[in-house]
Amino acid sequence: MKQCSKRCSDDSTATQGDDGAASTIEHVFGTLKHWMGSTHFLTRGLQHVGTEISLHVLAYNFKRLIKLLGIAEAIRAMRLAGA
């Protein structure tokens, strides 16, 4: 535990955040939280909550794919991946 905290405190990138990865991740979680209504999970139990968040992440990834490729190209890519 002490080694981990020392390593984290010695790591200059952990405090600087120059690469923008944190802001990229924050955007995804902010979007998911907004879609969920910024409240709580609708299901109970770890397995059900895991399924719920997985569905939200899947929907986010599909929307992102469609935005990047367009509907026709996304469908074509999914058909090629399934073949």
Protein backbone atom coordinates (compact mmCIF):
# COMPACT_ATOMS: atom_id res chain seq x y z
CA MET A 1 0.00 0.00 0.00
CA LYS A 2 2.78 2.42 0.88
CA GLN A 3 4.59 1.58 -2.35
CA CYS A 4 1.47 2.30 -4.37
CA SER A 5 0.83 5.67 -2.73
CA LYS A 6 4.50 6.62 -3.10
CA ARG A 7 4.45 5.58 -6.77
CA CYS A 8 1.29 7.62 -7.37
CA SER A 9 2.69 10.67 -5.62
CA ASP A 10 5.99 10.38 -7.51
CA ASP A 11 4.23 10.03 -10.84
CA SER A 12 4.21 13.47 -12.43
CA THR A 13 1.46 12.58 -14.93
CA ALA A 14 -0.95 11.64 -12.13
CA THR A 15 -1.05 15.23 -10.93
CA GLN A 16 -0.61 17.09 -14.20
CA GLY A 17 -3.22 15.47 -16.41
CA ASP A 18 -1.67 16.89 -19.58
CA ASP A 19 -2.79 14.09 -21.86
CA GLY A 20 -6.52 14.85 -21.70
CA ALA A 21 -7.47 11.27 -20.83
CA ALA A 22 -9.24 12.34 -17.64
CA SER A 23 -11.41 14.83 -19.50
CA THR A 24 -12.26 12.19 -22.10
CA ILE A 25 -13.33 9.71 -19.44
CA GLU A 26 -15.24 12.35 -17.49
CA HIS A 27 -17.28 13.14 -20.60
CA VAL A 28 -18.34 9.51 -21.01
CA PHE A 29 -19.41 9.15 -17.39
CA GLY A 30 -21.17 12.50 -17.49
CA THR A 31 -23.11 11.44 -20.57
CA LEU A 32 -24.07 8.09 -19.03
CA LYS A 33 -25.16 9.80 -15.81
CA HIS A 34 -27.28 12.26 -17.79
CA TRP A 35 -28.95 9.43 -19.75
CA MET A 36 -29.70 7.62 -16.51
CA GLY A 37 -31.42 10.70 -15.15
CA SER A 38 -28.58 11.71 -12.80
CA THR A 39 -30.15 9.70 -10.02
CA HIS A 40 -29.75 6.03 -9.25
CA PHE A 41 -29.87 2.64 -10.90
CA LEU A 42 -33.31 1.28 -11.62
CA THR A 43 -32.40 -2.26 -10.63
CA ARG A 44 -31.21 -3.83 -7.39
CA GLY A 45 -28.41 -6.28 -6.82
CA LEU A 46 -24.89 -6.22 -8.18
CA GLN A 47 -25.60 -8.51 -11.12
CA HIS A 48 -28.65 -6.50 -12.24
CA VAL A 49 -26.88 -3.16 -11.81
CA GLY A 50 -23.95 -4.51 -13.81
CA THR A 51 -26.33 -5.48 -16.59
CA GLU A 52 -27.99 -2.06 -16.49
CA ILE A 53 -24.72 -0.15 -16.76
CA SER A 54 -23.54 -2.51 -19.51
CA LEU A 55 -26.64 -1.68 -21.55
CA HIS A 56 -26.03 2.04 -21.06
CA VAL A 57 -22.41 1.63 -22.20
CA LEU A 58 -23.48 -0.44 -25.21
CA ALA A 59 -26.00 2.24 -26.22
CA TYR A 60 -23.32 4.93 -25.80
CA ASN A 61 -20.90 2.97 -28.00
CA PHE A 62 -23.54 2.41 -30.70
CA LYS A 63 -24.48 6.09 -30.76
CA ARG A 64 -20.81 7.00 -30.98
CA LEU A 65 -20.23 4.51 -33.80
CA ILE A 66 -23.15 5.87 -35.78
CA LYS A 67 -22.00 9.45 -35.26
CA LEU A 68 -18.48 8.61 -36.45
CA LEU A 69 -19.30 6.34 -39.39
CA GLY A 70 -22.88 7.18 -40.32
CA ILE A 71 -25.77 4.73 -40.24
CA ALA A 72 -25.08 2.96 -43.55
CA GLU A 73 -21.38 2.42 -42.85
CA ALA A 74 -22.07 1.30 -39.26
CA ILE A 75 -24.58 -1.30 -40.46
CA ARG A 76 -22.14 -2.49 -43.11
CA ALA A 77 -19.35 -2.81 -40.52
CA MET A 78 -21.62 -4.77 -38.16
CA ARG A 79 -22.62 -7.14 -40.96
CA LEU A 80 -18.97 -7.71 -41.87
CA ALA A 81 -18.07 -8.34 -38.22
CA GLY A 82 -20.88 -10.89 -37.89
CA ALA A 83 -19.90 -12.81 -41.01
